[in-house]
Protein backbone atom coordinates (compact mmCIF):
# COMPACT_ATOMS: atom_id res chain seq x y z
CA UNK A 1 -39.03 109.57 43.13
CA UNK A 2 -42.76 110.10 42.69
CA UNK A 3 -43.62 113.77 42.31
CA UNK A 4 -47.17 114.88 43.07
CA UNK A 5 -48.61 118.34 42.46
CA UNK A 6 -52.07 119.28 43.75
CA UNK A 7 -53.53 122.52 42.40
CA UNK A 8 -56.76 123.77 43.95
CA UNK A 9 -58.84 126.30 42.07
CA UNK A 10 -62.35 127.65 42.70
CA UNK A 11 -64.28 124.50 41.78
CA UNK A 12 -61.51 122.48 40.18
CA UNK A 13 -58.61 120.39 41.47
CA UNK A 14 -55.73 119.26 39.27
CA UNK A 15 -53.48 116.40 40.34
CA UNK A 16 -50.28 115.83 38.39
CA UNK A 17 -48.09 112.82 39.15
CA UNK A 18 -44.88 111.56 37.60
CA UNK A 19 -41.84 109.45 38.37
CA UNK A 20 -41.19 106.14 40.07
CA UNK A 21 -40.70 105.56 43.78
CA UNK A 22 -37.77 103.12 43.37
CA UNK A 23 -38.30 102.00 46.98
CA UNK A 24 -37.88 98.39 45.87
CA UNK A 25 -37.85 96.27 42.71
CA UNK A 26 -40.87 96.22 40.40
CA UNK A 27 -43.61 94.12 41.97
CA UNK A 28 -42.33 94.69 45.51
CA UNK A 29 -42.41 98.49 45.70
CA UNK A 30 -44.89 99.29 48.49
CA UNK A 31 -44.61 103.05 47.97
CA UNK A 32 -45.45 102.80 44.28
CA UNK A 33 -48.25 100.32 44.94
CA UNK A 34 -49.74 102.49 47.68
CA UNK A 35 -49.67 105.66 45.62
CA UNK A 36 -50.94 103.98 42.44
CA UNK A 37 -53.84 102.40 44.33
CA UNK A 38 -54.68 105.69 46.03
CA UNK A 39 -54.65 107.67 42.79
CA UNK A 40 -56.61 105.04 40.86
CA UNK A 41 -59.22 104.83 43.62
CA UNK A 42 -59.63 108.61 43.69
CA UNK A 43 -59.94 108.95 39.91
CA UNK A 44 -62.33 106.01 39.58
CA UNK A 45 -64.67 107.13 42.35
CA UNK A 46 -64.95 110.86 41.65
CA UNK A 47 -67.28 112.34 39.08
CA UNK A 48 -66.41 114.81 36.32
CA UNK A 49 -62.77 113.70 36.00
CA UNK A 50 -60.62 114.01 32.90
CA UNK A 51 -57.38 112.01 32.85
CA UNK A 52 -54.41 112.42 30.55
CA UNK A 53 -51.48 109.99 30.80
CA UNK A 54 -48.67 111.19 28.56
CA UNK A 55 -44.91 110.66 28.61
CA UNK A 56 -44.91 109.27 32.15
CA UNK A 57 -46.97 112.11 33.61
CA UNK A 58 -50.56 111.58 34.68
CA UNK A 59 -52.79 114.63 34.95
CA UNK A 60 -56.26 114.30 36.47
CA UNK A 61 -58.61 117.28 36.34
CA UNK A 62 -61.51 117.11 38.79
CA UNK A 63 -64.03 119.64 37.44
CA UNK A 64 -66.47 119.50 40.35
CA UNK A 65 -64.16 119.31 43.38
CA UNK A 66 -66.64 121.09 45.69
CA UNK A 67 -69.22 118.32 45.29
CA UNK A 68 -69.29 116.59 48.69
CA UNK A 69 -68.40 113.12 47.36
CA UNK A 70 -65.49 114.45 45.34
CA UNK A 71 -64.33 116.76 48.13
CA UNK A 72 -64.27 113.85 50.60
CA UNK A 73 -62.21 111.68 48.26
CA UNK A 74 -59.84 114.51 47.28
CA UNK A 75 -59.28 115.43 50.93
CA UNK A 76 -58.56 111.77 51.74
CA UNK A 77 -56.17 111.61 48.77
CA UNK A 78 -54.24 114.65 49.98
CA UNK A 79 -54.11 113.42 53.58
CA UNK A 80 -52.87 109.98 52.54
CA UNK A 81 -50.23 111.41 50.19
CA UNK A 82 -49.01 113.58 53.08
CA UNK A 83 -48.74 110.45 55.25
CA UNK A 84 -46.76 108.68 52.52
CA UNK A 85 -44.42 111.68 52.30
CA UNK A 86 -43.94 111.64 56.09
CA UNK A 87 -43.03 107.94 56.07
CA UNK A 88 -41.27 107.62 52.71
CA UNK A 89 -40.06 111.13 51.88
CA UNK A 90 -37.03 109.82 50.00
CA UNK A 91 -39.36 108.18 47.48
CA UNK A 92 -42.35 110.52 47.14
CA UNK A 93 -42.71 114.30 47.35
CA UNK A 94 -45.41 116.93 46.99
CA UNK A 95 -44.45 119.86 44.77
């Protein structure tokens, strides 16, 4: 199961993600592919992001989450993760 934690602070958002969806075999796992694409897109298109990928846990710290471009992408990230949880709750969860 993919576990996602979204922490919102005054002007900072921290996303922590770990685990594997195990919806299907590697290369055919639509839940994993969807989440990985979503997270990569968000990290790559926001500014002031620090990423740490250690021991199977990715932590992304968005230092300027109130900036309109970052806020738009982070809101879209959260909304899309919620949709994934609604459809594939056995494979992805928000902590």
